[in-house]
């Protein structure tokens, strides 16, 4: 699994219905894309759910990095973003774990994302395995979170260049304030998104 996201931060007076219409017209195009686990078409709207910005920020879980490369560089779809908005930076993370939740059969309406540093000094016993121990702990927390009735999917991934982790969760209705997203942070520290469409061709 490989996680990927780009963020298009739009003007404060931007009409987000333009993005809603865009997704309504074209969101289905990746519904059966080979190599894609899921794409969540998510937005943040200024003044809604505490968001300070208007933003279109699709989040992807890829099962095949070749398919991801084709999407970005081979005319597989990203060219439409470049054409209409310019070329944004694309963040990407190596997958650590993902888990389907009890609400997997339902259409999620909300998503949360938490980005936080991996432990600076994870190797407390000198074995070199501190990050592995940390990842195991966080995977346990992720699986517990994914057991909630309102969770569609939960994923954890790591950027090994900046050593940042991302926790991304799809929720059936809304992001609950009491959700333990990670071992040391709760949903109050996350970005909250509205899900406009979900393409989920992969397992």
C-alpha atoms as a PDB file:
ATOM      1  CA  UNK A   1       0.000   0.000   0.000  1.00  0.00           C
ATOM      2  CA  UNK A   2       1.158   3.507  -0.826  1.00  0.00           C
ATOM      3  CA  UNK A   3      -0.675   6.638   0.337  1.00  0.00           C
ATOM      4  CA  UNK A   4      -0.805   9.847  -1.706  1.00  0.00           C
ATOM      5  CA  UNK A   5      -2.460  13.248  -1.390  1.00  0.00           C
ATOM      6  CA  UNK A   6      -2.317  16.644  -3.017  1.00  0.00           C
ATOM      7  CA  UNK A   7      -3.979  19.755  -1.608  1.00  0.00           C
ATOM      8  CA  UNK A   8      -5.461  22.515  -3.742  1.00  0.00           C
ATOM      9  CA  UNK A   9      -6.019  25.483  -1.446  1.00  0.00           C
ATOM     10  CA  UNK A  10      -8.501  27.776  -3.134  1.00  0.00           C
ATOM     11  CA  UNK A  11      -9.409  31.458  -2.649  1.00  0.00           C
ATOM     12  CA  UNK A  12     -11.430  32.363   0.430  1.00  0.00           C
ATOM     13  CA  UNK A  13     -14.422  33.338  -1.737  1.00  0.00           C
ATOM     14  CA  UNK A  14     -14.190  30.294  -4.008  1.00  0.00           C
ATOM     15  CA  UNK A  15     -17.528  28.610  -4.707  1.00  0.00           C
ATOM     16  CA  UNK A  16     -16.962  25.033  -3.500  1.00  0.00           C
ATOM     17  CA  UNK A  17     -19.992  23.915  -5.479  1.00  0.00           C
ATOM     18  CA  UNK A  18     -17.668  24.084  -8.498  1.00  0.00           C
ATOM     19  CA  UNK A  19     -15.630  21.270  -6.937  1.00  0.00           C
ATOM     20  CA  UNK A  20     -18.766  19.368  -5.969  1.00  0.00           C
ATOM     21  CA  UNK A  21     -19.963  19.509  -9.568  1.00  0.00           C
ATOM     22  CA  UNK A  22     -16.534  18.475 -10.853  1.00  0.00           C
ATOM     23  CA  UNK A  23     -16.550  15.391  -8.637  1.00  0.00           C
ATOM     24  CA  UNK A  24     -20.174  14.588  -9.460  1.00  0.00           C
ATOM     25  CA  UNK A  25     -19.307  14.569 -13.163  1.00  0.00           C
ATOM     26  CA  UNK A  26     -15.934  12.816 -13.064  1.00  0.00           C
ATOM     27  CA  UNK A  27     -15.563  11.014  -9.756  1.00  0.00           C
ATOM     28  CA  UNK A  28     -16.709   7.705 -11.206  1.00  0.00           C
ATOM     29  CA  UNK A  29     -13.781   7.566 -13.651  1.00  0.00           C
ATOM     30  CA  UNK A  30     -11.534   5.850 -11.095  1.00  0.00           C
ATOM     31  CA  UNK A  31     -14.190   3.519  -9.706  1.00  0.00           C
ATOM     32  CA  UNK A  32     -12.584   0.561 -11.464  1.00  0.00           C
ATOM     33  CA  UNK A  33      -8.963   1.770 -11.823  1.00  0.00           C
ATOM     34  CA  UNK A  34      -6.553  -1.158 -11.698  1.00  0.00           C
ATOM     35  CA  UNK A  35      -3.972  -0.848  -8.936  1.00  0.00           C
ATOM     36  CA  UNK A  36      -5.998   1.645  -6.894  1.00  0.00           C
ATOM     37  CA  UNK A  37      -7.160   0.643  -3.443  1.00  0.00           C
ATOM     38  CA  UNK A  38      -9.273   3.745  -2.910  1.00  0.00           C
ATOM     39  CA  UNK A  39      -9.542   7.419  -3.721  1.00  0.00           C
ATOM     40  CA  UNK A  40     -11.469   9.659  -1.351  1.00  0.00           C
ATOM     41  CA  UNK A  41     -12.581  12.876  -3.036  1.00  0.00           C
ATOM     42  CA  UNK A  42     -12.461  15.147  -0.002  1.00  0.00           C
ATOM     43  CA  UNK A  43     -12.860  18.872   0.582  1.00  0.00           C
ATOM     44  CA  UNK A  44     -12.530  21.360   3.406  1.00  0.00           C
ATOM     45  CA  UNK A  45     -14.793  24.399   3.286  1.00  0.00           C
ATOM     46  CA  UNK A  46     -13.850  27.668   4.944  1.00  0.00           C
ATOM     47  CA  UNK A  47     -15.854  28.203   8.121  1.00  0.00           C
ATOM     48  CA  UNK A  48     -17.221  24.641   8.174  1.00  0.00           C
ATOM     49  CA  UNK A  49     -15.971  22.203  10.805  1.00  0.00           C
ATOM     50  CA  UNK A  50     -13.309  24.643  11.913  1.00  0.00           C
ATOM     51  CA  UNK A  51     -11.595  24.811   8.523  1.00  0.00           C
ATOM     52  CA  UNK A  52      -9.741  28.087   7.857  1.00  0.00           C
ATOM     53  CA  UNK A  53      -9.522  27.370   4.117  1.00  0.00           C
ATOM     54  CA  UNK A  54     -11.338  26.178   1.031  1.00  0.00           C
ATOM     55  CA  UNK A  55      -9.478  23.119  -0.138  1.00  0.00           C
ATOM     56  CA  UNK A  56      -9.805  20.173  -2.494  1.00  0.00           C
ATOM     57  CA  UNK A  57      -7.505  17.432  -1.208  1.00  0.00           C
ATOM     58  CA  UNK A  58      -8.089  13.951  -2.673  1.00  0.00           C
ATOM     59  CA  UNK A  59      -6.490  11.106  -0.732  1.00  0.00           C
ATOM     60  CA  UNK A  60      -5.398   7.849  -2.384  1.00  0.00           C
ATOM     61  CA  UNK A  61      -4.355   4.395  -1.246  1.00  0.00           C
ATOM     62  CA  UNK A  62      -2.559   2.597  -4.068  1.00  0.00           C
ATOM     63  CA  UNK A  63      -1.926  -1.141  -4.190  1.00  0.00           C
ATOM     64  CA  UNK A  64       0.396  -0.799  -7.198  1.00  0.00           C
ATOM     65  CA  UNK A  65       3.048   1.932  -7.418  1.00  0.00           C
ATOM     66  CA  UNK A  66       3.210   1.426 -11.182  1.00  0.00           C
ATOM     67  CA  UNK A  67      -0.453   2.392 -11.412  1.00  0.00           C
ATOM     68  CA  UNK A  68       0.263   5.415  -9.220  1.00  0.00           C
ATOM     69  CA  UNK A  69       3.116   6.453 -11.521  1.00  0.00           C
ATOM     70  CA  UNK A  70       0.850   6.084 -14.556  1.00  0.00           C
ATOM     71  CA  UNK A  71      -1.785   8.262 -12.886  1.00  0.00           C
ATOM     72  CA  UNK A  72       0.750  10.984 -12.126  1.00  0.00           C
ATOM     73  CA  UNK A  73       3.060  10.848 -15.138  1.00  0.00           C
ATOM     74  CA  UNK A  74       1.485   8.733 -17.850  1.00  0.00           C
ATOM     75  CA  UNK A  75      -1.690  10.611 -18.667  1.00  0.00           C
ATOM     76  CA  UNK A  76      -3.692   8.527 -16.208  1.00  0.00           C
ATOM     77  CA  UNK A  77      -5.741  11.388 -14.784  1.00  0.00           C
ATOM     78  CA  UNK A  78      -3.489  13.839 -12.952  1.00  0.00           C
ATOM     79  CA  UNK A  79      -3.125  15.879 -16.144  1.00  0.00           C
ATOM     80  CA  UNK A  80      -6.659  17.174 -15.553  1.00  0.00           C
ATOM     81  CA  UNK A  81      -5.584  18.702 -12.236  1.00  0.00           C
ATOM     82  CA  UNK A  82      -2.485  20.217 -13.856  1.00  0.00           C
ATOM     83  CA  UNK A  83      -4.581  21.626 -16.701  1.00  0.00           C
ATOM     84  CA  UNK A  84      -7.178  23.243 -14.465  1.00  0.00           C
ATOM     85  CA  UNK A  85      -5.235  24.203 -11.329  1.00  0.00           C
ATOM     86  CA  UNK A  86      -1.520  23.953 -12.093  1.00  0.00           C
ATOM     87  CA  UNK A  87       0.792  21.259 -10.760  1.00  0.00           C
ATOM     88  CA  UNK A  88       0.559  20.892  -6.976  1.00  0.00           C
ATOM     89  CA  UNK A  89       3.122  19.109  -4.788  1.00  0.00           C
ATOM     90  CA  UNK A  90       2.075  15.515  -4.205  1.00  0.00           C
ATOM     91  CA  UNK A  91       2.681  14.128  -0.739  1.00  0.00           C
ATOM     92  CA  UNK A  92       3.247  10.395  -0.461  1.00  0.00           C
ATOM     93  CA  UNK A  93       3.788   7.904   2.308  1.00  0.00           C
ATOM     94  CA  UNK A  94       4.798   4.236   2.541  1.00  0.00           C
ATOM     95  CA  UNK A  95       1.915   2.177   3.860  1.00  0.00           C
ATOM     96  CA  UNK A  96       2.239   0.643   7.316  1.00  0.00           C
ATOM     97  CA  UNK A  97      -1.272  -0.720   7.901  1.00  0.00           C
ATOM     98  CA  UNK A  98      -4.871  -0.359   6.806  1.00  0.00           C
ATOM     99  CA  UNK A  99      -8.026  -1.824   8.210  1.00  0.00           C
ATOM    100  CA  UNK A 100     -11.606  -2.045   6.974  1.00  0.00           C
ATOM    101  CA  UNK A 101     -14.217  -1.080   9.555  1.00  0.00           C
ATOM    102  CA  UNK A 102     -17.782  -2.224  10.245  1.00  0.00           C
ATOM    103  CA  UNK A 103     -19.152   0.609   8.060  1.00  0.00           C
ATOM    104  CA  UNK A 104     -17.182  -0.596   5.014  1.00  0.00           C
ATOM    105  CA  UNK A 105     -20.370  -1.426   3.090  1.00  0.00           C
ATOM    106  CA  UNK A 106     -21.723   2.119   3.534  1.00  0.00           C
ATOM    107  CA  UNK A 107     -20.769   5.325   1.742  1.00  0.00           C
ATOM    108  CA  UNK A 108     -18.577   7.464   4.031  1.00  0.00           C
ATOM    109  CA  UNK A 109     -19.518  11.116   4.424  1.00  0.00           C
ATOM    110  CA  UNK A 110     -16.516  12.364   6.408  1.00  0.00           C
ATOM    111  CA  UNK A 111     -12.789  11.814   6.703  1.00  0.00           C
ATOM    112  CA  UNK A 112     -10.028  12.795   9.096  1.00  0.00           C
ATOM    113  CA  UNK A 113      -6.315  13.198   8.569  1.00  0.00           C
ATOM    114  CA  UNK A 114      -3.628  13.541  11.204  1.00  0.00           C
ATOM    115  CA  UNK A 115      -0.029  14.215  10.182  1.00  0.00           C
ATOM    116  CA  UNK A 116       2.553  14.047  12.972  1.00  0.00           C
ATOM    117  CA  UNK A 117       6.276  13.314  13.343  1.00  0.00           C
ATOM    118  CA  UNK A 118       7.390   9.776  13.953  1.00  0.00           C
ATOM    119  CA  UNK A 119       9.278   9.583  17.272  1.00  0.00           C
ATOM    120  CA  UNK A 120      12.577  11.461  17.076  1.00  0.00           C
ATOM    121  CA  UNK A 121      14.343   9.023  19.377  1.00  0.00           C
ATOM    122  CA  UNK A 122      12.441   5.796  18.948  1.00  0.00           C
ATOM    123  CA  UNK A 123      15.489   3.589  19.535  1.00  0.00           C
ATOM    124  CA  UNK A 124      15.576   3.742  23.322  1.00  0.00           C
ATOM    125  CA  UNK A 125      17.124   0.288  23.833  1.00  0.00           C
ATOM    126  CA  UNK A 126      19.888   0.553  21.229  1.00  0.00           C
ATOM    127  CA  UNK A 127      18.622  -2.296  19.045  1.00  0.00           C
ATOM    128  CA  UNK A 128      17.690  -0.130  16.052  1.00  0.00           C
ATOM    129  CA  UNK A 129      14.141  -1.498  16.228  1.00  0.00           C
ATOM    130  CA  UNK A 130      12.479   1.460  17.926  1.00  0.00           C
ATOM    131  CA  UNK A 131      10.543   2.500  14.834  1.00  0.00           C
ATOM    132  CA  UNK A 132       9.307  -1.060  14.368  1.00  0.00           C
ATOM    133  CA  UNK A 133       8.048  -1.105  17.958  1.00  0.00           C
ATOM    134  CA  UNK A 134       6.366   2.271  17.452  1.00  0.00           C
ATOM    135  CA  UNK A 135       4.713   1.055  14.225  1.00  0.00           C
ATOM    136  CA  UNK A 136       3.442  -2.068  15.975  1.00  0.00           C
ATOM    137  CA  UNK A 137       1.898   0.028  18.763  1.00  0.00           C
ATOM    138  CA  UNK A 138       0.267   2.420  16.321  1.00  0.00           C
ATOM    139  CA  UNK A 139      -1.059  -0.483  14.263  1.00  0.00           C
ATOM    140  CA  UNK A 140      -2.785  -1.845  17.358  1.00  0.00           C
ATOM    141  CA  UNK A 141      -4.364   1.583  17.999  1.00  0.00           C
ATOM    142  CA  UNK A 142      -5.421   1.786  14.350  1.00  0.00           C
ATOM    143  CA  UNK A 143      -7.101  -1.605  14.467  1.00  0.00           C
ATOM    144  CA  UNK A 144      -8.928  -0.673  17.663  1.00  0.00           C
ATOM    145  CA  UNK A 145     -10.106   2.534  16.000  1.00  0.00           C
ATOM    146  CA  UNK A 146     -11.238   0.601  12.925  1.00  0.00           C
ATOM    147  CA  UNK A 147     -13.434  -1.534  15.167  1.00  0.00           C
ATOM    148  CA  UNK A 148     -15.770   1.403  15.824  1.00  0.00           C
ATOM    149  CA  UNK A 149     -19.196   1.016  14.243  1.00  0.00           C
ATOM    150  CA  UNK A 150     -18.847   4.312  12.348  1.00  0.00           C
ATOM    151  CA  UNK A 151     -15.473   3.608  10.662  1.00  0.00           C
ATOM    152  CA  UNK A 152     -15.322   2.703   6.974  1.00  0.00           C
ATOM    153  CA  UNK A 153     -11.517   2.438   6.577  1.00  0.00           C
ATOM    154  CA  UNK A 154      -8.473   3.437   8.627  1.00  0.00           C
ATOM    155  CA  UNK A 155      -4.917   3.674   7.301  1.00  0.00           C
ATOM    156  CA  UNK A 156      -1.464   4.503   8.652  1.00  0.00           C
ATOM    157  CA  UNK A 157       1.515   5.401   6.454  1.00  0.00           C
ATOM    158  CA  UNK A 158       4.960   6.982   6.885  1.00  0.00           C
ATOM    159  CA  UNK A 159       7.055   9.445   4.873  1.00  0.00           C
ATOM    160  CA  UNK A 160      10.611   8.111   5.400  1.00  0.00           C
ATOM    161  CA  UNK A 161      12.207  11.293   4.041  1.00  0.00           C
ATOM    162  CA  UNK A 162      10.717  13.651   6.622  1.00  0.00           C
ATOM    163  CA  UNK A 163       9.811  10.873   9.068  1.00  0.00           C
ATOM    164  CA  UNK A 164       6.220  11.973   9.313  1.00  0.00           C
ATOM    165  CA  UNK A 165       3.285   9.656   9.787  1.00  0.00           C
ATOM    166  CA  UNK A 166      -0.226  10.110   8.452  1.00  0.00           C
ATOM    167  CA  UNK A 167      -3.370   8.568   9.873  1.00  0.00           C
ATOM    168  CA  UNK A 168      -6.326   8.743   7.473  1.00  0.00           C
ATOM    169  CA  UNK A 169      -9.789   7.578   8.485  1.00  0.00           C
ATOM    170  CA  UNK A 170     -13.054   7.443   6.554  1.00  0.00           C
ATOM    171  CA  UNK A 171     -16.145   7.858   8.733  1.00  0.00           C
ATOM    172  CA  UNK A 172     -19.740   6.926   8.021  1.00  0.00           C
ATOM    173  CA  UNK A 173     -21.240  10.242   9.157  1.00  0.00           C
ATOM    174  CA  UNK A 174     -18.853  12.634  10.914  1.00  0.00           C
ATOM    175  CA  UNK A 175     -15.539  12.708  12.773  1.00  0.00           C
ATOM    176  CA  UNK A 176     -16.256  12.113  16.470  1.00  0.00           C
ATOM    177  CA  UNK A 177     -14.326  14.240  18.945  1.00  0.00           C
ATOM    178  CA  UNK A 178     -13.532  11.275  21.175  1.00  0.00           C
ATOM    179  CA  UNK A 179     -11.869   9.099  18.527  1.00  0.00           C
ATOM    180  CA  UNK A 180      -8.340   7.986  19.392  1.00  0.00           C
ATOM    181  CA  UNK A 181      -6.653   8.484  16.038  1.00  0.00           C
ATOM    182  CA  UNK A 182      -3.131   7.742  17.280  1.00  0.00           C
ATOM    183  CA  UNK A 183      -1.485   6.759  20.532  1.00  0.00           C
ATOM    184  CA  UNK A 184      -0.799  10.361  21.558  1.00  0.00           C
ATOM    185  CA  UNK A 185      -3.370  12.421  19.624  1.00  0.00           C
ATOM    186  CA  UNK A 186      -7.144  12.576  19.272  1.00  0.00           C
ATOM    187  CA  UNK A 187      -9.479  13.678  16.515  1.00  0.00           C
ATOM    188  CA  UNK A 188      -9.404  17.236  17.851  1.00  0.00           C
ATOM    189  CA  UNK A 189      -5.905  17.543  16.345  1.00  0.00           C
ATOM    190  CA  UNK A 190      -6.925  16.410  12.867  1.00  0.00           C
ATOM    191  CA  UNK A 191      -8.084  18.019   9.684  1.00  0.00           C
ATOM    192  CA  UNK A 192     -11.709  17.165   8.989  1.00  0.00           C
ATOM    193  CA  UNK A 193     -13.040  16.663   5.485  1.00  0.00           C
ATOM    194  CA  UNK A 194     -16.320  16.187   3.686  1.00  0.00           C
ATOM    195  CA  UNK A 195     -16.265  13.166   1.381  1.00  0.00           C
ATOM    196  CA  UNK A 196     -17.858  13.906  -1.993  1.00  0.00           C
ATOM    197  CA  UNK A 197     -17.240  10.503  -3.587  1.00  0.00           C
ATOM    198  CA  UNK A 198     -15.292   7.324  -2.909  1.00  0.00           C
ATOM    199  CA  UNK A 199     -13.712   5.204  -5.612  1.00  0.00           C
ATOM    200  CA  UNK A 200     -12.753   1.880  -4.050  1.00  0.00           C
ATOM    201  CA  UNK A 201     -11.858  -0.674  -6.723  1.00  0.00           C
ATOM    202  CA  UNK A 202      -9.220  -2.415  -4.614  1.00  0.00           C
ATOM    203  CA  UNK A 203      -9.525  -4.758  -1.646  1.00  0.00           C
END
